[in-house]
């Protein structure tokens, strides 16, 4: 896994989030904030990753698992990729 895969997952997550019309406002806000923070990391350095961004993704994945399994799956892949990159 490398940064290219991370970019692909971020784009996939963005597309899934855009198409998900039934995501509650709090989950959507949390996901959008985490996406912004992770995009900063991909543009800069891993040490700039804000505290708790991956935790937000994990929490969002758990909240969305039943109602949005594809979105939750992408979130799971994203957190795994971040962990493999040491972020």
PDB file of N, CA and C in Angstrom:
ATOM      1  N   UNK A   1       0.845  -1.179   0.000  1.00  0.00           N
ATOM      2  CA  UNK A   1       0.000   0.000   0.000  1.00  0.00           C
ATOM      3  C   UNK A   1       0.892   1.244   0.000  1.00  0.00           C
ATOM      4  N   UNK A   2       0.539   2.180  -0.802  1.00  0.00           N
ATOM      5  CA  UNK A   2       1.308   3.409  -0.871  1.00  0.00           C
ATOM      6  C   UNK A   2       0.366   4.603  -0.932  1.00  0.00           C
ATOM      7  N   UNK A   3       0.945   5.743  -1.144  1.00  0.00           N
ATOM      8  CA  UNK A   3       0.137   6.972  -1.178  1.00  0.00           C
ATOM      9  C   UNK A   3      -0.829   6.995  -2.366  1.00  0.00           C
ATOM     10  N   UNK A   4      -0.483   6.299  -3.452  1.00  0.00           N
ATOM     11  CA  UNK A   4      -1.390   6.224  -4.588  1.00  0.00           C
ATOM     12  C   UNK A   4      -2.677   5.523  -4.180  1.00  0.00           C
ATOM     13  N   UNK A   5      -2.543   4.414  -3.460  1.00  0.00           N
ATOM     14  CA  UNK A   5      -3.724   3.687  -2.976  1.00  0.00           C
ATOM     15  C   UNK A   5      -4.517   4.560  -2.002  1.00  0.00           C
ATOM     16  N   UNK A   6      -3.818   5.300  -1.184  1.00  0.00           N
ATOM     17  CA  UNK A   6      -4.488   6.200  -0.249  1.00  0.00           C
ATOM     18  C   UNK A   6      -5.310   7.235  -1.018  1.00  0.00           C
ATOM     19  N   UNK A   7      -4.744   7.804  -2.060  1.00  0.00           N
ATOM     20  CA  UNK A   7      -5.472   8.772  -2.888  1.00  0.00           C
ATOM     21  C   UNK A   7      -6.711   8.136  -3.515  1.00  0.00           C
ATOM     22  N   UNK A   8      -6.566   6.892  -3.993  1.00  0.00           N
ATOM     23  CA  UNK A   8      -7.700   6.194  -4.598  1.00  0.00           C
ATOM     24  C   UNK A   8      -8.816   5.994  -3.579  1.00  0.00           C
ATOM     25  N   UNK A   9      -8.443   5.595  -2.374  1.00  0.00           N
ATOM     26  CA  UNK A   9      -9.444   5.373  -1.327  1.00  0.00           C
ATOM     27  C   UNK A   9     -10.113   6.682  -0.917  1.00  0.00           C
ATOM     28  N   UNK A  10      -9.352   7.753  -0.847  1.00  0.00           N
ATOM     29  CA  UNK A  10      -9.939   9.047  -0.516  1.00  0.00           C
ATOM     30  C   UNK A  10     -10.961   9.468  -1.568  1.00  0.00           C
ATOM     31  N   UNK A  11     -10.619   9.249  -2.828  1.00  0.00           N
ATOM     32  CA  UNK A  11     -11.545   9.597  -3.907  1.00  0.00           C
ATOM     33  C   UNK A  11     -12.793   8.704  -3.853  1.00  0.00           C
ATOM     34  N   UNK A  12     -12.586   7.416  -3.591  1.00  0.00           N
ATOM     35  CA  UNK A  12     -13.727   6.495  -3.489  1.00  0.00           C
ATOM     36  C   UNK A  12     -14.626   6.889  -2.323  1.00  0.00           C
ATOM     37  N   UNK A  13     -14.016   7.243  -1.200  1.00  0.00           N
ATOM     38  CA  UNK A  13     -14.799   7.669  -0.048  1.00  0.00           C
ATOM     39  C   UNK A  13     -15.575   8.942  -0.370  1.00  0.00           C
ATOM     40  N   UNK A  14     -14.938   9.875  -1.025  1.00  0.00           N
ATOM     41  CA  UNK A  14     -15.619  11.115  -1.404  1.00  0.00           C
ATOM     42  C   UNK A  14     -16.833  10.817  -2.299  1.00  0.00           C
ATOM     43  N   UNK A  15     -16.657   9.925  -3.267  1.00  0.00           N
ATOM     44  CA  UNK A  15     -17.756   9.562  -4.161  1.00  0.00           C
ATOM     45  C   UNK A  15     -18.884   8.874  -3.400  1.00  0.00           C
ATOM     46  N   UNK A  16     -18.537   7.955  -2.518  1.00  0.00           N
ATOM     47  CA  UNK A  16     -19.559   7.256  -1.728  1.00  0.00           C
ATOM     48  C   UNK A  16     -20.310   8.244  -0.837  1.00  0.00           C
ATOM     49  N   UNK A  17     -19.576   9.145  -0.220  1.00  0.00           N
ATOM     50  CA  UNK A  17     -20.199  10.125   0.669  1.00  0.00           C
ATOM     51  C   UNK A  17     -21.108  11.067  -0.110  1.00  0.00           C
ATOM     52  N   UNK A  18     -20.680  11.469  -1.291  1.00  0.00           N
ATOM     53  CA  UNK A  18     -21.495  12.345  -2.136  1.00  0.00           C
ATOM     54  C   UNK A  18     -22.795  11.652  -2.543  1.00  0.00           C
ATOM     55  N   UNK A  19     -22.724  10.356  -2.844  1.00  0.00           N
ATOM     56  CA  UNK A  19     -23.903   9.618  -3.283  1.00  0.00           C
ATOM     57  C   UNK A  19     -24.808   9.145  -2.162  1.00  0.00           C
ATOM     58  N   UNK A  20     -24.322   9.183  -0.927  1.00  0.00           N
ATOM     59  CA  UNK A  20     -25.112   8.702   0.217  1.00  0.00           C
ATOM     60  C   UNK A  20     -26.037   9.814   0.702  1.00  0.00           C
ATOM     61  N   UNK A  21     -27.309   9.679   0.378  1.00  0.00           N
ATOM     62  CA  UNK A  21     -28.267  10.730   0.734  1.00  0.00           C
ATOM     63  C   UNK A  21     -28.875  10.541   2.122  1.00  0.00           C
ATOM     64  N   UNK A  22     -28.677   9.386   2.729  1.00  0.00           N
ATOM     65  CA  UNK A  22     -29.306   9.131   4.027  1.00  0.00           C
ATOM     66  C   UNK A  22     -28.320   9.141   5.189  1.00  0.00           C
ATOM     67  N   UNK A  23     -27.116   9.664   4.982  1.00  0.00           N
ATOM     68  CA  UNK A  23     -26.143   9.755   6.074  1.00  0.00           C
ATOM     69  C   UNK A  23     -26.570  10.898   6.990  1.00  0.00           C
ATOM     70  N   UNK A  24     -26.611  10.630   8.296  1.00  0.00           N
ATOM     71  CA  UNK A  24     -27.040  11.669   9.229  1.00  0.00           C
ATOM     72  C   UNK A  24     -26.029  12.827   9.238  1.00  0.00           C
ATOM     73  N   UNK A  25     -26.493  14.024   9.545  1.00  0.00           N
ATOM     74  CA  UNK A  25     -25.634  15.216   9.469  1.00  0.00           C
ATOM     75  C   UNK A  25     -24.358  15.122  10.316  1.00  0.00           C
ATOM     76  N   UNK A  26     -24.442  14.548  11.491  1.00  0.00           N
ATOM     77  CA  UNK A  26     -23.261  14.441  12.357  1.00  0.00           C
ATOM     78  C   UNK A  26     -22.218  13.513  11.741  1.00  0.00           C
ATOM     79  N   UNK A  27     -22.643  12.380  11.201  1.00  0.00           N
ATOM     80  CA  UNK A  27     -21.707  11.456  10.551  1.00  0.00           C
ATOM     81  C   UNK A  27     -21.089  12.102   9.321  1.00  0.00           C
ATOM     82  N   UNK A  28     -21.896  12.788   8.550  1.00  0.00           N
ATOM     83  CA  UNK A  28     -21.391  13.468   7.353  1.00  0.00           C
ATOM     84  C   UNK A  28     -20.350  14.520   7.737  1.00  0.00           C
ATOM     85  N   UNK A  29     -20.639  15.303   8.752  1.00  0.00           N
ATOM     86  CA  UNK A  29     -19.707  16.335   9.213  1.00  0.00           C
ATOM     87  C   UNK A  29     -18.392  15.707   9.663  1.00  0.00           C
ATOM     88  N   UNK A  30     -18.488  14.624  10.438  1.00  0.00           N
ATOM     89  CA  UNK A  30     -17.306  13.938  10.941  1.00  0.00           C
ATOM     90  C   UNK A  30     -16.457  13.394   9.788  1.00  0.00           C
ATOM     91  N   UNK A  31     -17.108  12.779   8.818  1.00  0.00           N
ATOM     92  CA  UNK A  31     -16.394  12.221   7.672  1.00  0.00           C
ATOM     93  C   UNK A  31     -15.737  13.314   6.827  1.00  0.00           C
ATOM     94  N   UNK A  32     -16.456  14.381   6.586  1.00  0.00           N
ATOM     95  CA  UNK A  32     -15.898  15.464   5.780  1.00  0.00           C
ATOM     96  C   UNK A  32     -14.694  16.094   6.466  1.00  0.00           C
ATOM     97  N   UNK A  33     -14.749  16.248   7.785  1.00  0.00           N
ATOM     98  CA  UNK A  33     -13.615  16.793   8.544  1.00  0.00           C
ATOM     99  C   UNK A  33     -12.423  15.849   8.460  1.00  0.00           C
ATOM    100  N   UNK A  34     -12.658  14.570   8.653  1.00  0.00           N
ATOM    101  CA  UNK A  34     -11.570  13.596   8.577  1.00  0.00           C
ATOM    102  C   UNK A  34     -10.967  13.562   7.175  1.00  0.00           C
ATOM    103  N   UNK A  35     -11.792  13.630   6.142  1.00  0.00           N
ATOM    104  CA  UNK A  35     -11.291  13.667   4.768  1.00  0.00           C
ATOM    105  C   UNK A  35     -10.396  14.874   4.530  1.00  0.00           C
ATOM    106  N   UNK A  36     -10.813  16.036   5.013  1.00  0.00           N
ATOM    107  CA  UNK A  36      -9.986  17.241   4.851  1.00  0.00           C
ATOM    108  C   UNK A  36      -8.636  17.058   5.527  1.00  0.00           C
ATOM    109  N   UNK A  37      -8.641  16.499   6.736  1.00  0.00           N
ATOM    110  CA  UNK A  37      -7.406  16.313   7.477  1.00  0.00           C
ATOM    111  C   UNK A  37      -6.480  15.309   6.788  1.00  0.00           C
ATOM    112  N   UNK A  38      -7.041  14.231   6.280  1.00  0.00           N
ATOM    113  CA  UNK A  38      -6.224  13.216   5.613  1.00  0.00           C
ATOM    114  C   UNK A  38      -5.679  13.751   4.298  1.00  0.00           C
ATOM    115  N   UNK A  39      -6.468  14.525   3.592  1.00  0.00           N
ATOM    116  CA  UNK A  39      -5.959  15.138   2.347  1.00  0.00           C
ATOM    117  C   UNK A  39      -4.759  16.040   2.637  1.00  0.00           C
ATOM    118  N   UNK A  40      -4.781  16.747   3.766  1.00  0.00           N
ATOM    119  CA  UNK A  40      -3.632  17.563   4.151  1.00  0.00           C
ATOM    120  C   UNK A  40      -2.383  16.707   4.292  1.00  0.00           C
ATOM    121  N   UNK A  41      -2.541  15.527   4.879  1.00  0.00           N
ATOM    122  CA  UNK A  41      -1.407  14.629   5.064  1.00  0.00           C
ATOM    123  C   UNK A  41      -0.853  14.182   3.719  1.00  0.00           C
ATOM    124  N   UNK A  42      -1.733  13.864   2.782  1.00  0.00           N
ATOM    125  CA  UNK A  42      -1.259  13.384   1.484  1.00  0.00           C
ATOM    126  C   UNK A  42      -0.552  14.497   0.715  1.00  0.00           C
ATOM    127  N   UNK A  43      -0.863  15.738   1.037  1.00  0.00           N
ATOM    128  CA  UNK A  43      -0.213  16.862   0.372  1.00  0.00           C
ATOM    129  C   UNK A  43       1.057  17.302   1.094  1.00  0.00           C
ATOM    130  N   UNK A  44       1.191  16.951   2.362  1.00  0.00           N
ATOM    131  CA  UNK A  44       2.324  17.399   3.163  1.00  0.00           C
ATOM    132  C   UNK A  44       3.032  16.183   3.768  1.00  0.00           C
ATOM    133  N   UNK A  45       3.202  16.222   5.071  1.00  0.00           N
ATOM    134  CA  UNK A  45       3.940  15.153   5.750  1.00  0.00           C
ATOM    135  C   UNK A  45       3.055  14.464   6.779  1.00  0.00           C
ATOM    136  N   UNK A  46       3.299  13.157   7.004  1.00  0.00           N
ATOM    137  CA  UNK A  46       2.487  12.407   7.972  1.00  0.00           C
ATOM    138  C   UNK A  46       2.483  13.000   9.372  1.00  0.00           C
ATOM    139  N   UNK A  47       3.557  13.647   9.769  1.00  0.00           N
ATOM    140  CA  UNK A  47       3.599  14.215  11.122  1.00  0.00           C
ATOM    141  C   UNK A  47       2.622  15.371  11.293  1.00  0.00           C
ATOM    142  N   UNK A  48       2.044  15.831  10.197  1.00  0.00           N
ATOM    143  CA  UNK A  48       1.063  16.906  10.263  1.00  0.00           C
ATOM    144  C   UNK A  48      -0.369  16.392  10.432  1.00  0.00           C
ATOM    145  N   UNK A  49      -0.530  15.081  10.526  1.00  0.00           N
ATOM    146  CA  UNK A  49      -1.862  14.493  10.691  1.00  0.00           C
ATOM    147  C   UNK A  49      -2.436  14.944  12.030  1.00  0.00           C
ATOM    148  N   UNK A  50      -3.579  15.620  11.999  1.00  0.00           N
ATOM    149  CA  UNK A  50      -4.200  16.066  13.245  1.00  0.00           C
ATOM    150  C   UNK A  50      -4.549  14.883  14.146  1.00  0.00           C
ATOM    151  N   UNK A  51      -4.389  15.090  15.411  1.00  0.00           N
ATOM    152  CA  UNK A  51      -4.704  14.066  16.408  1.00  0.00           C
ATOM    153  C   UNK A  51      -6.155  13.637  16.272  1.00  0.00           C
ATOM    154  N   UNK A  52      -6.396  12.352  16.185  1.00  0.00           N
ATOM    155  CA  UNK A  52      -7.749  11.827  16.193  1.00  0.00           C
ATOM    156  C   UNK A  52      -8.418  11.658  14.838  1.00  0.00           C
ATOM    157  N   UNK A  53      -7.754  12.001  13.740  1.00  0.00           N
ATOM    158  CA  UNK A  53      -8.402  11.891  12.431  1.00  0.00           C
ATOM    159  C   UNK A  53      -8.729  10.437  12.099  1.00  0.00           C
ATOM    160  N   UNK A  54      -7.801   9.516  12.336  1.00  0.00           N
ATOM    161  CA  UNK A  54      -8.100   8.116  12.030  1.00  0.00           C
ATOM    162  C   UNK A  54      -9.123   7.558  13.008  1.00  0.00           C
ATOM    163  N   UNK A  55      -9.102   8.027  14.231  1.00  0.00           N
ATOM    164  CA  UNK A  55     -10.116   7.593  15.197  1.00  0.00           C
ATOM    165  C   UNK A  55     -11.504   8.035  14.740  1.00  0.00           C
ATOM    166  N   UNK A  56     -11.601   9.230  14.149  1.00  0.00           N
ATOM    167  CA  UNK A  56     -12.886   9.704  13.621  1.00  0.00           C
ATOM    168  C   UNK A  56     -13.373   8.787  12.512  1.00  0.00           C
ATOM    169  N   UNK A  57     -12.455   8.345  11.666  1.00  0.00           N
ATOM    170  CA  UNK A  57     -12.846   7.446  10.581  1.00  0.00           C
ATOM    171  C   UNK A  57     -13.350   6.118  11.129  1.00  0.00           C
ATOM    172  N   UNK A  58     -12.656   5.566  12.111  1.00  0.00           N
ATOM    173  CA  UNK A  58     -13.099   4.298  12.711  1.00  0.00           C
ATOM    174  C   UNK A  58     -14.480   4.444  13.337  1.00  0.00           C
ATOM    175  N   UNK A  59     -14.674   5.539  14.067  1.00  0.00           N
ATOM    176  CA  UNK A  59     -15.972   5.778  14.711  1.00  0.00           C
ATOM    177  C   UNK A  59     -17.075   5.918  13.662  1.00  0.00           C
ATOM    178  N   UNK A  60     -16.775   6.643  12.598  1.00  0.00           N
ATOM    179  CA  UNK A  60     -17.764   6.818  11.529  1.00  0.00           C
ATOM    180  C   UNK A  60     -18.089   5.482  10.874  1.00  0.00           C
ATOM    181  N   UNK A  61     -17.084   4.639  10.663  1.00  0.00           N
ATOM    182  CA  UNK A  61     -17.306   3.327  10.055  1.00  0.00           C
ATOM    183  C   UNK A  61     -18.262   2.507  10.911  1.00  0.00           C
ATOM    184  N   UNK A  62     -18.073   2.530  12.213  1.00  0.00           N
ATOM    185  CA  UNK A  62     -18.958   1.783  13.109  1.00  0.00           C
ATOM    186  C   UNK A  62     -20.382   2.335  13.068  1.00  0.00           C
ATOM    187  N   UNK A  63     -20.522   3.641  13.019  1.00  0.00           N
ATOM    188  CA  UNK A  63     -21.844   4.261  12.997  1.00  0.00           C
ATOM    189  C   UNK A  63     -22.593   3.960  11.697  1.00  0.00           C
ATOM    190  N   UNK A  64     -21.842   3.825  10.600  1.00  0.00           N
ATOM    191  CA  UNK A  64     -22.460   3.672   9.288  1.00  0.00           C
ATOM    192  C   UNK A  64     -22.574   2.224   8.828  1.00  0.00           C
ATOM    193  N   UNK A  65     -22.012   1.300   9.585  1.00  0.00           N
ATOM    194  CA  UNK A  65     -21.903  -0.087   9.141  1.00  0.00           C
ATOM    195  C   UNK A  65     -23.223  -0.708   8.711  1.00  0.00           C
ATOM    196  N   UNK A  66     -24.267  -0.525   9.465  1.00  0.00           N
ATOM    197  CA  UNK A  66     -25.546  -1.165   9.146  1.00  0.00           C
ATOM    198  C   UNK A  66     -26.256  -0.496   7.975  1.00  0.00           C
ATOM    199  N   UNK A  67     -26.296   0.819   7.973  1.00  0.00           N
ATOM    200  CA  UNK A  67     -27.054   1.527   6.952  1.00  0.00           C
ATOM    201  C   UNK A  67     -26.299   1.791   5.654  1.00  0.00           C
ATOM    202  N   UNK A  68     -24.982   1.811   5.730  1.00  0.00           N
ATOM    203  CA  UNK A  68     -24.159   2.138   4.561  1.00  0.00           C
ATOM    204  C   UNK A  68     -22.934   1.221   4.518  1.00  0.00           C
ATOM    205  N   UNK A  69     -23.141  -0.055   4.227  1.00  0.00           N
ATOM    206  CA  UNK A  69     -22.017  -1.004   4.277  1.00  0.00           C
ATOM    207  C   UNK A  69     -20.882  -0.677   3.307  1.00  0.00           C
ATOM    208  N   UNK A  70     -21.193  -0.151   2.126  1.00  0.00           N
ATOM    209  CA  UNK A  70     -20.108   0.204   1.182  1.00  0.00           C
ATOM    210  C   UNK A  70     -19.266   1.348   1.729  1.00  0.00           C
ATOM    211  N   UNK A  71     -19.911   2.345   2.267  1.00  0.00           N
ATOM    212  CA  UNK A  71     -19.212   3.482   2.844  1.00  0.00           C
ATOM    213  C   UNK A  71     -18.359   3.027   4.024  1.00  0.00           C
ATOM    214  N   UNK A  72     -18.928   2.191   4.872  1.00  0.00           N
ATOM    215  CA  UNK A  72     -18.185   1.660   6.014  1.00  0.00           C
ATOM    216  C   UNK A  72     -16.994   0.825   5.547  1.00  0.00           C
ATOM    217  N   UNK A  73     -17.165   0.065   4.474  1.00  0.00           N
ATOM    218  CA  UNK A  73     -16.075  -0.742   3.939  1.00  0.00           C
ATOM    219  C   UNK A  73     -14.920   0.109   3.440  1.00  0.00           C
ATOM    220  N   UNK A  74     -15.235   1.189   2.747  1.00  0.00           N
ATOM    221  CA  UNK A  74     -14.194   2.092   2.259  1.00  0.00           C
ATOM    222  C   UNK A  74     -13.471   2.740   3.438  1.00  0.00           C
ATOM    223  N   UNK A  75     -14.233   3.114   4.447  1.00  0.00           N
ATOM    224  CA  UNK A  75     -13.615   3.697   5.643  1.00  0.00           C
ATOM    225  C   UNK A  75     -12.652   2.709   6.294  1.00  0.00           C
ATOM    226  N   UNK A  76     -13.057   1.452   6.364  1.00  0.00           N
ATOM    227  CA  UNK A  76     -12.189   0.422   6.936  1.00  0.00           C
ATOM    228  C   UNK A  76     -10.905   0.269   6.138  1.00  0.00           C
ATOM    229  N   UNK A  77     -11.018   0.246   4.823  1.00  0.00           N
ATOM    230  CA  UNK A  77      -9.832   0.142   3.972  1.00  0.00           C
ATOM    231  C   UNK A  77      -8.928   1.361   4.148  1.00  0.00           C
ATOM    232  N   UNK A  78      -9.541   2.516   4.274  1.00  0.00           N
ATOM    233  CA  UNK A  78      -8.780   3.745   4.432  1.00  0.00           C
ATOM    234  C   UNK A  78      -7.996   3.746   5.739  1.00  0.00           C
ATOM    235  N   UNK A  79      -8.642   3.353   6.830  1.00  0.00           N
ATOM    236  CA  UNK A  79      -7.927   3.327   8.113  1.00  0.00           C
ATOM    237  C   UNK A  79      -6.818   2.273   8.085  1.00  0.00           C
ATOM    238  N   UNK A  80      -7.038   1.144   7.436  1.00  0.00           N
ATOM    239  CA  UNK A  80      -5.991   0.130   7.309  1.00  0.00           C
ATOM    240  C   UNK A  80      -4.802   0.677   6.523  1.00  0.00           C
ATOM    241  N   UNK A  81      -5.083   1.379   5.430  1.00  0.00           N
ATOM    242  CA  UNK A  81      -4.017   1.952   4.604  1.00  0.00           C
ATOM    243  C   UNK A  81      -3.221   2.993   5.385  1.00  0.00           C
ATOM    244  N   UNK A  82      -3.917   3.829   6.126  1.00  0.00           N
ATOM    245  CA  UNK A  82      -3.232   4.834   6.948  1.00  0.00           C
ATOM    246  C   UNK A  82      -2.328   4.145   7.969  1.00  0.00           C
ATOM    247  N   UNK A  83      -2.817   3.091   8.573  1.00  0.00           N
ATOM    248  CA  UNK A  83      -2.013   2.373   9.558  1.00  0.00           C
ATOM    249  C   UNK A  83      -0.771   1.764   8.908  1.00  0.00           C
ATOM    250  N   UNK A  84      -0.912   1.208   7.724  1.00  0.00           N
ATOM    251  CA  UNK A  84       0.233   0.611   7.022  1.00  0.00           C
ATOM    252  C   UNK A  84       1.259   1.651   6.611  1.00  0.00           C
ATOM    253  N   UNK A  85       0.786   2.889   6.393  1.00  0.00           N
ATOM    254  CA  UNK A  85       1.699   3.981   6.058  1.00  0.00           C
ATOM    255  C   UNK A  85       2.301   4.606   7.314  1.00  0.00           C
ATOM    256  N   UNK A  86       1.880   4.129   8.468  1.00  0.00           N
ATOM    257  CA  UNK A  86       2.398   4.669   9.722  1.00  0.00           C
ATOM    258  C   UNK A  86       1.787   5.987  10.120  1.00  0.00           C
ATOM    259  N   UNK A  87       0.581   6.224   9.624  1.00  0.00           N
ATOM    260  CA  UNK A  87      -0.096   7.502   9.921  1.00  0.00           C
ATOM    261  C   UNK A  87      -1.182   7.263  10.946  1.00  0.00           C
TER     262      UNK A  87
END
